Structures are given as structure tokens and as C-alpha cells.
């Protein structure tokens, strides 16, 4: 099933599912959202760059025309789950206009 957007209300339970367990098996609906997020155009999309496998990641975005291929966003993580959650929340905000942390705290 292909989706054209993320519904910030109907899909919020799946965002909560991701935030609780960002790595591992996910429900079909969360997989649908992740496929949509990952299929988005690469330019300007927040991504993780592995600096030290299993130990250190950097938040980057893929550069646009006239920029470096990878542009640092000046954030380093030493916890994989924290890194994955942050990227998911940033992509959620970009695609829905909704601050995920705020929505989940309600």
C-alpha cells in the first residue's frame, strides 16, 4: 500500500510505537510510514552518518546543488535509539508540520 502523506492524528499511534522501540520489528502501519519517510527526496532530509559502528553517529543532511554531498548538522549521538528517535521526529515535523514530542506529551 502506497501513501501520499502522513496523517498527524491517525498515524500518531505508530509514531509512538517507533519512539518506544526505534530498532527492531515494526507493525505494518509503522512500516508504511517508514517507507514513506525513506522514499522522500534525499536532499535536505536528515540522516544518520555512522562515525564508529555501534558507538557513534552524526546527524547530517544530504546537500543540495552547490553544497557538499553531506552537510553536518552539528549533532553527535552515542546512543543509537536516541539518534533514530531524533531523525524520526525531525522527518515527522518536516512532513506533517507537527512537533512529535509535543503531540506525544498530550
C-alpha atoms as a PDB file:
ATOM      1  CA  UNK A   1       0.000   0.000   0.000  1.00  0.00           C
ATOM      2  CA  UNK A   2       1.394   3.383  -1.002  1.00  0.00           C
ATOM      3  CA  UNK A   3       0.637   6.557   0.904  1.00  0.00           C
ATOM      4  CA  UNK A   4       0.918  10.150  -0.235  1.00  0.00           C
ATOM      5  CA  UNK A   5       1.251  11.734   3.177  1.00  0.00           C
ATOM      6  CA  UNK A   6       1.291  11.068   6.883  1.00  0.00           C
ATOM      7  CA  UNK A   7      -1.810  11.914   8.894  1.00  0.00           C
ATOM      8  CA  UNK A   8      -0.543  13.562  12.093  1.00  0.00           C
ATOM      9  CA  UNK A   9      -3.652  12.419  14.008  1.00  0.00           C
ATOM     10  CA  UNK A  10      -4.429   8.955  12.648  1.00  0.00           C
ATOM     11  CA  UNK A  11      -0.761   7.964  12.377  1.00  0.00           C
ATOM     12  CA  UNK A  12       0.298   9.296  15.792  1.00  0.00           C
ATOM     13  CA  UNK A  13      -0.049   5.856  17.487  1.00  0.00           C
ATOM     14  CA  UNK A  14       2.523   4.481  15.027  1.00  0.00           C
ATOM     15  CA  UNK A  15       4.886   7.345  15.762  1.00  0.00           C
ATOM     16  CA  UNK A  16       4.522   6.464  19.441  1.00  0.00           C
ATOM     17  CA  UNK A  17       5.319   2.839  18.560  1.00  0.00           C
ATOM     18  CA  UNK A  18       8.532   3.974  16.847  1.00  0.00           C
ATOM     19  CA  UNK A  19       9.580   6.206  19.732  1.00  0.00           C
ATOM     20  CA  UNK A  20       9.114   3.300  22.158  1.00  0.00           C
ATOM     21  CA  UNK A  21      11.164   0.887  20.009  1.00  0.00           C
ATOM     22  CA  UNK A  22      13.015   2.570  17.128  1.00  0.00           C
ATOM     23  CA  UNK A  23      15.013  -0.514  16.158  1.00  0.00           C
ATOM     24  CA  UNK A  24      13.536  -3.957  15.517  1.00  0.00           C
ATOM     25  CA  UNK A  25      10.286  -5.321  14.137  1.00  0.00           C
ATOM     26  CA  UNK A  26       7.533  -2.801  13.464  1.00  0.00           C
ATOM     27  CA  UNK A  27       3.819  -3.107  12.779  1.00  0.00           C
ATOM     28  CA  UNK A  28       2.652  -2.957   9.142  1.00  0.00           C
ATOM     29  CA  UNK A  29       1.316   0.583   9.628  1.00  0.00           C
ATOM     30  CA  UNK A  30       4.588   1.827  11.065  1.00  0.00           C
ATOM     31  CA  UNK A  31       6.455   0.128   8.222  1.00  0.00           C
ATOM     32  CA  UNK A  32       4.201   2.013   5.788  1.00  0.00           C
ATOM     33  CA  UNK A  33       5.136   5.334   7.420  1.00  0.00           C
ATOM     34  CA  UNK A  34       8.841   4.480   7.474  1.00  0.00           C
ATOM     35  CA  UNK A  35       8.758   3.548   3.769  1.00  0.00           C
ATOM     36  CA  UNK A  36       7.124   6.884   3.022  1.00  0.00           C
ATOM     37  CA  UNK A  37       9.692   8.813   5.063  1.00  0.00           C
ATOM     38  CA  UNK A  38      12.584   6.938   3.468  1.00  0.00           C
ATOM     39  CA  UNK A  39      11.253   7.403  -0.078  1.00  0.00           C
ATOM     40  CA  UNK A  40      11.250  11.184   0.242  1.00  0.00           C
ATOM     41  CA  UNK A  41      13.745  13.084  -1.915  1.00  0.00           C
ATOM     42  CA  UNK A  42      17.197  12.809  -0.384  1.00  0.00           C
ATOM     43  CA  UNK A  43      18.149  16.484  -0.497  1.00  0.00           C
ATOM     44  CA  UNK A  44      17.557  18.255   2.821  1.00  0.00           C
ATOM     45  CA  UNK A  45      16.457  15.014   4.529  1.00  0.00           C
ATOM     46  CA  UNK A  46      18.003  14.471   7.987  1.00  0.00           C
ATOM     47  CA  UNK A  47      20.033  11.263   8.094  1.00  0.00           C
ATOM     48  CA  UNK A  48      22.496   9.467  10.326  1.00  0.00           C
ATOM     49  CA  UNK A  49      26.124   9.029   9.386  1.00  0.00           C
ATOM     50  CA  UNK A  50      27.914   6.217  11.209  1.00  0.00           C
ATOM     51  CA  UNK A  51      31.156   7.536  12.674  1.00  0.00           C
ATOM     52  CA  UNK A  52      32.010   4.453  14.739  1.00  0.00           C
ATOM     53  CA  UNK A  53      29.898   1.338  14.070  1.00  0.00           C
ATOM     54  CA  UNK A  54      27.628   0.627  17.022  1.00  0.00           C
ATOM     55  CA  UNK A  55      29.087   3.531  19.041  1.00  0.00           C
ATOM     56  CA  UNK A  56      28.813   6.950  17.422  1.00  0.00           C
ATOM     57  CA  UNK A  57      26.540   8.624  14.857  1.00  0.00           C
ATOM     58  CA  UNK A  58      26.362  12.128  13.388  1.00  0.00           C
ATOM     59  CA  UNK A  59      23.232  13.966  12.321  1.00  0.00           C
ATOM     60  CA  UNK A  60      23.651  15.140   8.738  1.00  0.00           C
ATOM     61  CA  UNK A  61      21.522  16.145   5.811  1.00  0.00           C
ATOM     62  CA  UNK A  62      22.224  15.401   2.210  1.00  0.00           C
ATOM     63  CA  UNK A  63      23.338  18.537   0.404  1.00  0.00           C
ATOM     64  CA  UNK A  64      21.573  20.252  -2.431  1.00  0.00           C
ATOM     65  CA  UNK A  65      23.025  21.722  -5.614  1.00  0.00           C
ATOM     66  CA  UNK A  66      26.237  23.637  -4.949  1.00  0.00           C
ATOM     67  CA  UNK A  67      26.712  22.084  -1.496  1.00  0.00           C
ATOM     68  CA  UNK A  68      28.820  19.277  -0.155  1.00  0.00           C
ATOM     69  CA  UNK A  69      27.237  15.844  -0.535  1.00  0.00           C
ATOM     70  CA  UNK A  70      26.797  15.577   3.238  1.00  0.00           C
ATOM     71  CA  UNK A  71      26.212  18.639   5.396  1.00  0.00           C
ATOM     72  CA  UNK A  72      26.813  18.349   9.133  1.00  0.00           C
ATOM     73  CA  UNK A  73      24.005  19.417  11.451  1.00  0.00           C
ATOM     74  CA  UNK A  74      26.445  19.593  14.393  1.00  0.00           C
ATOM     75  CA  UNK A  75      24.927  16.807  16.487  1.00  0.00           C
ATOM     76  CA  UNK A  76      26.711  13.648  17.624  1.00  0.00           C
ATOM     77  CA  UNK A  77      24.996  10.706  19.303  1.00  0.00           C
ATOM     78  CA  UNK A  78      26.407   7.845  21.346  1.00  0.00           C
ATOM     79  CA  UNK A  79      23.020   6.117  21.746  1.00  0.00           C
ATOM     80  CA  UNK A  80      21.539   4.523  18.616  1.00  0.00           C
ATOM     81  CA  UNK A  81      17.945   4.699  19.883  1.00  0.00           C
ATOM     82  CA  UNK A  82      18.285   8.413  20.685  1.00  0.00           C
ATOM     83  CA  UNK A  83      19.729   9.032  17.216  1.00  0.00           C
ATOM     84  CA  UNK A  84      16.948   7.120  15.450  1.00  0.00           C
ATOM     85  CA  UNK A  85      14.242   8.847  17.510  1.00  0.00           C
ATOM     86  CA  UNK A  86      15.645  12.287  16.738  1.00  0.00           C
ATOM     87  CA  UNK A  87      15.782  11.667  12.980  1.00  0.00           C
ATOM     88  CA  UNK A  88      12.249  10.235  13.004  1.00  0.00           C
ATOM     89  CA  UNK A  89      10.930  13.283  14.916  1.00  0.00           C
ATOM     90  CA  UNK A  90      12.686  15.680  12.528  1.00  0.00           C
ATOM     91  CA  UNK A  91      11.245  13.913   9.480  1.00  0.00           C
ATOM     92  CA  UNK A  92       7.797  13.808  11.132  1.00  0.00           C
ATOM     93  CA  UNK A  93       7.941  17.570  11.691  1.00  0.00           C
ATOM     94  CA  UNK A  94       9.015  18.202   8.112  1.00  0.00           C
ATOM     95  CA  UNK A  95       6.261  16.013   6.637  1.00  0.00           C
ATOM     96  CA  UNK A  96       3.370  16.880   8.968  1.00  0.00           C
ATOM     97  CA  UNK A  97       4.228  20.271  10.460  1.00  0.00           C
ATOM     98  CA  UNK A  98       3.641  18.698  13.890  1.00  0.00           C
ATOM     99  CA  UNK A  99       6.182  18.643  16.712  1.00  0.00           C
ATOM    100  CA  UNK A 100       6.142  14.949  17.586  1.00  0.00           C
ATOM    101  CA  UNK A 101       7.399  15.343  21.159  1.00  0.00           C
ATOM    102  CA  UNK A 102       4.681  17.887  21.881  1.00  0.00           C
ATOM    103  CA  UNK A 103       1.963  15.728  20.282  1.00  0.00           C
ATOM    104  CA  UNK A 104       3.007  12.640  22.231  1.00  0.00           C
ATOM    105  CA  UNK A 105       3.025  14.509  25.548  1.00  0.00           C
ATOM    106  CA  UNK A 106      -0.684  15.353  25.281  1.00  0.00           C
END
